[in-house]
C-alpha atoms as a PDB file:
ATOM      1  CA  MET A   1      -0.025   0.002  -0.127  1.00  0.00           C
ATOM      2  CA  GLU A   2       1.548   3.244  -0.782  1.00  0.00           C
ATOM      3  CA  LYS A   3       1.254   6.313   1.729  1.00  0.00           C
ATOM      4  CA  LEU A   4      -0.799   9.093   1.676  1.00  0.00           C
ATOM      5  CA  GLU A   5       0.403  12.459   1.704  1.00  0.00           C
ATOM      6  CA  LEU A   6      -0.475  14.318   5.011  1.00  0.00           C
ATOM      7  CA  VAL A   7      -1.954  17.436   4.402  1.00  0.00           C
ATOM      8  CA  VAL A   8      -2.021  20.027   6.860  1.00  0.00           C
ATOM      9  CA  ILE A   9      -5.103  22.493   6.710  1.00  0.00           C
ATOM     10  CA  GLY A  10      -4.759  25.372   8.999  1.00  0.00           C
ATOM     11  CA  GLY A  11      -2.362  28.525   9.599  1.00  0.00           C
ATOM     12  CA  HIS A  12      -2.973  32.078   9.487  1.00  0.00           C
ATOM     13  CA  ASP A  13      -2.821  32.791   5.654  1.00  0.00           C
ATOM     14  CA  LEU A  14      -5.094  30.082   5.049  1.00  0.00           C
ATOM     15  CA  ALA A  15      -7.559  30.920   7.845  1.00  0.00           C
ATOM     16  CA  VAL A  16      -7.543  34.752   6.079  1.00  0.00           C
ATOM     17  CA  ALA A  17      -7.659  33.366   2.546  1.00  0.00           C
ATOM     18  CA  ALA A  18     -10.832  31.198   3.785  1.00  0.00           C
ATOM     19  CA  ALA A  19     -12.324  34.042   5.296  1.00  0.00           C
ATOM     20  CA  ARG A  20     -12.004  35.803   2.197  1.00  0.00           C
ATOM     21  CA  HIS A  21     -13.717  32.739   0.165  1.00  0.00           C
ATOM     22  CA  TYR A  22     -16.520  32.928   2.961  1.00  0.00           C
ATOM     23  CA  ARG A  23     -17.225  36.710   2.642  1.00  0.00           C
ATOM     24  CA  THR A  24     -16.966  36.352  -1.450  1.00  0.00           C
ATOM     25  CA  LEU A  25     -19.655  33.422  -1.420  1.00  0.00           C
ATOM     26  CA  ARG A  26     -21.724  35.310   0.971  1.00  0.00           C
ATOM     27  CA  GLY A  27     -21.773  38.415  -1.247  1.00  0.00           C
ATOM     28  CA  LEU A  28     -22.963  35.589  -3.858  1.00  0.00           C
ATOM     29  CA  GLY A  29     -26.199  34.717  -1.781  1.00  0.00           C
ATOM     30  CA  VAL A  30     -24.216  31.436  -0.868  1.00  0.00           C
ATOM     31  CA  THR A  31     -24.657  30.378   2.779  1.00  0.00           C
ATOM     32  CA  VAL A  32     -21.451  27.698   3.549  1.00  0.00           C
ATOM     33  CA  ARG A  33     -22.413  25.858   6.707  1.00  0.00           C
ATOM     34  CA  LYS A  34     -19.410  24.438   7.885  1.00  0.00           C
ATOM     35  CA  ARG A  35     -16.000  26.291   8.413  1.00  0.00           C
ATOM     36  CA  ILE A  36     -14.126  22.967   7.511  1.00  0.00           C
ATOM     37  CA  ASP A  37     -15.771  22.707   4.333  1.00  0.00           C
ATOM     38  CA  THR A  38     -14.531  26.052   3.759  1.00  0.00           C
ATOM     39  CA  LEU A  39     -10.736  25.603   5.186  1.00  0.00           C
ATOM     40  CA  THR A  40     -10.561  22.277   2.873  1.00  0.00           C
ATOM     41  CA  ALA A  41     -11.287  23.954  -0.095  1.00  0.00           C
ATOM     42  CA  THR A  42      -9.451  27.030   0.289  1.00  0.00           C
ATOM     43  CA  ARG A  43      -6.110  25.004   0.720  1.00  0.00           C
ATOM     44  CA  CYS A  44      -7.343  22.861  -2.165  1.00  0.00           C
ATOM     45  CA  ILE A  45      -7.708  26.041  -4.233  1.00  0.00           C
ATOM     46  CA  ILE A  46      -4.376  27.887  -2.765  1.00  0.00           C
ATOM     47  CA  GLU A  47      -2.210  24.573  -3.498  1.00  0.00           C
ATOM     48  CA  GLY A  48      -4.158  23.983  -6.859  1.00  0.00           C
ATOM     49  CA  MET A  49      -4.842  20.528  -5.810  1.00  0.00           C
ATOM     50  CA  PRO A  50      -8.179  18.680  -7.117  1.00  0.00           C
ATOM     51  CA  LEU A  51     -10.718  17.682  -4.557  1.00  0.00           C
ATOM     52  CA  LEU A  52     -12.670  14.262  -4.926  1.00  0.00           C
ATOM     53  CA  TYR A  53     -16.132  14.994  -2.547  1.00  0.00           C
ATOM     54  CA  SER A  54     -19.579  14.081  -3.038  1.00  0.00           C
ATOM     55  CA  ASP A  55     -20.928  17.316  -0.934  1.00  0.00           C
ATOM     56  CA  ARG A  56     -22.637  19.937  -2.327  1.00  0.00           C
ATOM     57  CA  ALA A  57     -21.170  22.026  -0.160  1.00  0.00           C
ATOM     58  CA  PHE A  58     -18.389  22.259  -2.167  1.00  0.00           C
ATOM     59  CA  ASP A  59     -20.352  23.059  -5.581  1.00  0.00           C
ATOM     60  CA  PRO A  60     -19.977  26.926  -4.877  1.00  0.00           C
ATOM     61  CA  PHE A  61     -16.089  26.651  -4.502  1.00  0.00           C
ATOM     62  CA  LEU A  62     -16.099  24.710  -7.516  1.00  0.00           C
ATOM     63  CA  GLN A  63     -18.543  27.260  -9.578  1.00  0.00           C
ATOM     64  CA  HIS A  64     -17.185  30.816  -8.245  1.00  0.00           C
ATOM     65  CA  LEU A  65     -13.701  30.247  -6.553  1.00  0.00           C
ATOM     66  CA  GLY A  66     -11.527  27.841  -8.818  1.00  0.00           C
ATOM     67  CA  LEU A  67     -12.079  24.818  -7.030  1.00  0.00           C
ATOM     68  CA  VAL A  68     -10.745  22.068  -9.260  1.00  0.00           C
ATOM     69  CA  SER A  69     -12.693  18.082  -8.777  1.00  0.00           C
ATOM     70  CA  VAL A  70     -11.077  15.097  -8.970  1.00  0.00           C
ATOM     71  CA  MET A  71     -13.988  14.220 -11.290  1.00  0.00           C
ATOM     72  CA  GLY A  72     -13.774  17.210 -13.797  1.00  0.00           C
ATOM     73  CA  SER A  73     -16.702  19.295 -14.761  1.00  0.00           C
ATOM     74  CA  ASP A  74     -18.749  16.334 -15.161  1.00  0.00           C
ATOM     75  CA  ALA A  75     -18.694  15.710 -11.230  1.00  0.00           C
ATOM     76  CA  ARG A  76     -22.181  16.747 -10.443  1.00  0.00           C
ATOM     77  CA  HIS A  77     -23.630  14.936 -13.172  1.00  0.00           C
ATOM     78  CA  PHE A  78     -21.711  11.502 -11.988  1.00  0.00           C
ATOM     79  CA  LEU A  79     -22.940  12.220  -8.427  1.00  0.00           C
ATOM     80  CA  ALA A  80     -26.301  12.937  -9.508  1.00  0.00           C
ATOM     81  CA  ALA A  81     -26.937  10.196 -11.977  1.00  0.00           C
ATOM     82  CA  THR A  82     -25.474   7.667  -8.834  1.00  0.00           C
ATOM     83  CA  ALA A  83     -27.999   9.416  -6.330  1.00  0.00           C
ATOM     84  CA  TYR A  84     -30.746   8.234  -9.190  1.00  0.00           C
ATOM     85  CA  VAL A  85     -29.289   4.825  -9.377  1.00  0.00           C
ATOM     86  CA  THR A  86     -29.362   4.482  -5.753  1.00  0.00           C
ATOM     87  CA  ALA A  87     -32.850   5.758  -4.819  1.00  0.00           C
ATOM     88  CA  THR A  88     -34.427   4.097  -7.410  1.00  0.00           C
ATOM     89  CA  GLY A  89     -32.569   0.928  -7.200  1.00  0.00           C
ATOM     90  CA  ALA A  90     -31.991   0.954 -11.135  1.00  0.00           C
END
Protein backbone atom coordinates (compact mmCIF):
# COMPACT_ATOMS: atom_id res chain seq x y z
CA MET A 1 0.00 0.00 0.00
CA GLU A 2 1.25 3.48 -0.83
CA LYS A 3 1.56 6.12 1.83
CA LEU A 4 -0.83 9.03 1.69
CA GLU A 5 0.53 12.55 1.73
CA LEU A 6 -0.29 14.47 4.90
CA VAL A 7 -1.85 17.83 4.08
CA VAL A 8 -2.01 20.36 6.88
CA ILE A 9 -5.14 22.49 6.95
CA GLY A 10 -4.51 25.49 9.15
CA GLY A 11 -2.40 28.52 9.80
CA HIS A 12 -2.89 32.26 9.64
CA ASP A 13 -2.60 32.69 5.85
CA LEU A 14 -5.07 29.90 5.14
CA ALA A 15 -7.51 31.28 7.71
CA VAL A 16 -7.40 34.73 6.10
CA ALA A 17 -7.88 33.28 2.60
CA ALA A 18 -10.75 31.09 3.84
CA ALA A 19 -12.42 34.14 5.41
CA ARG A 20 -12.15 35.96 2.08
CA HIS A 21 -13.68 32.99 0.27
CA TYR A 22 -16.48 32.82 2.84
CA ARG A 23 -17.26 36.53 2.44
CA THR A 24 -17.14 36.25 -1.36
CA LEU A 25 -19.64 33.40 -1.33
CA ARG A 26 -21.89 35.20 1.18
CA GLY A 27 -21.82 38.20 -1.14
CA LEU A 28 -23.12 35.93 -3.89
CA GLY A 29 -25.92 34.71 -1.63
CA VAL A 30 -24.33 31.35 -0.85
CA THR A 31 -24.36 30.12 2.74
CA VAL A 32 -21.44 27.88 3.67
CA ARG A 33 -22.59 25.78 6.59
CA LYS A 34 -19.34 24.28 7.86
CA ARG A 35 -16.08 26.11 8.48
CA ILE A 36 -14.08 22.97 7.74
CA ASP A 37 -15.54 22.91 4.21
CA THR A 38 -14.28 26.46 3.67
CA LEU A 39 -10.83 25.59 5.02
CA THR A 40 -10.61 22.39 2.96
CA ALA A 41 -11.74 24.04 -0.27
CA THR A 42 -9.45 27.02 0.27
CA ARG A 43 -6.44 24.78 0.90
CA CYS A 44 -7.12 22.95 -2.35
CA ILE A 45 -7.66 26.19 -4.28
CA ILE A 46 -4.42 27.76 -2.99
CA GLU A 47 -2.33 24.68 -3.74
CA GLY A 48 -4.06 23.83 -7.01
CA MET A 49 -5.02 20.41 -5.64
CA PRO A 50 -8.15 18.79 -7.07
CA LEU A 51 -10.68 17.66 -4.46
CA LEU A 52 -12.60 14.40 -4.52
CA TYR A 53 -15.93 15.09 -2.91
CA SER A 54 -19.57 14.08 -2.92
CA ASP A 55 -20.91 16.88 -0.72
CA ARG A 56 -22.82 19.63 -2.51
CA ALA A 57 -21.33 22.11 -0.04
CA PHE A 58 -18.22 22.26 -2.26
CA ASP A 59 -20.12 23.14 -5.45
CA PRO A 60 -20.04 26.92 -4.87
CA PHE A 61 -16.27 26.76 -4.45
CA LEU A 62 -16.11 24.93 -7.79
CA GLN A 63 -18.51 27.34 -9.52
CA HIS A 64 -17.26 30.66 -8.16
CA LEU A 65 -13.76 30.33 -6.68
CA GLY A 66 -11.81 27.98 -8.91
CA LEU A 67 -11.89 24.75 -6.92
CA VAL A 68 -11.09 21.81 -9.17
CA SER A 69 -12.87 18.48 -8.79
CA VAL A 70 -10.95 15.24 -9.22
CA MET A 71 -13.86 14.12 -11.38
CA GLY A 72 -13.62 17.16 -13.65
CA SER A 73 -16.54 19.25 -14.83
CA ASP A 74 -18.84 16.20 -14.94
CA ALA A 75 -18.63 15.59 -11.18
CA ARG A 76 -22.15 16.82 -10.41
CA HIS A 77 -23.66 14.85 -13.29
CA PHE A 78 -21.95 11.67 -12.09
CA LEU A 79 -23.08 12.19 -8.52
CA ALA A 80 -26.63 13.01 -9.57
CA ALA A 81 -26.77 9.86 -11.68
CA THR A 82 -25.33 7.81 -8.80
CA ALA A 83 -27.93 9.24 -6.41
CA TYR A 84 -30.71 8.45 -8.91
CA VAL A 85 -29.56 4.87 -9.35
CA THR A 86 -29.25 4.42 -5.59
CA ALA A 87 -32.68 5.93 -4.91
CA THR A 88 -34.48 3.99 -7.62
CA GLY A 89 -32.53 0.77 -7.29
CA ALA A 90 -31.97 0.84 -11.07
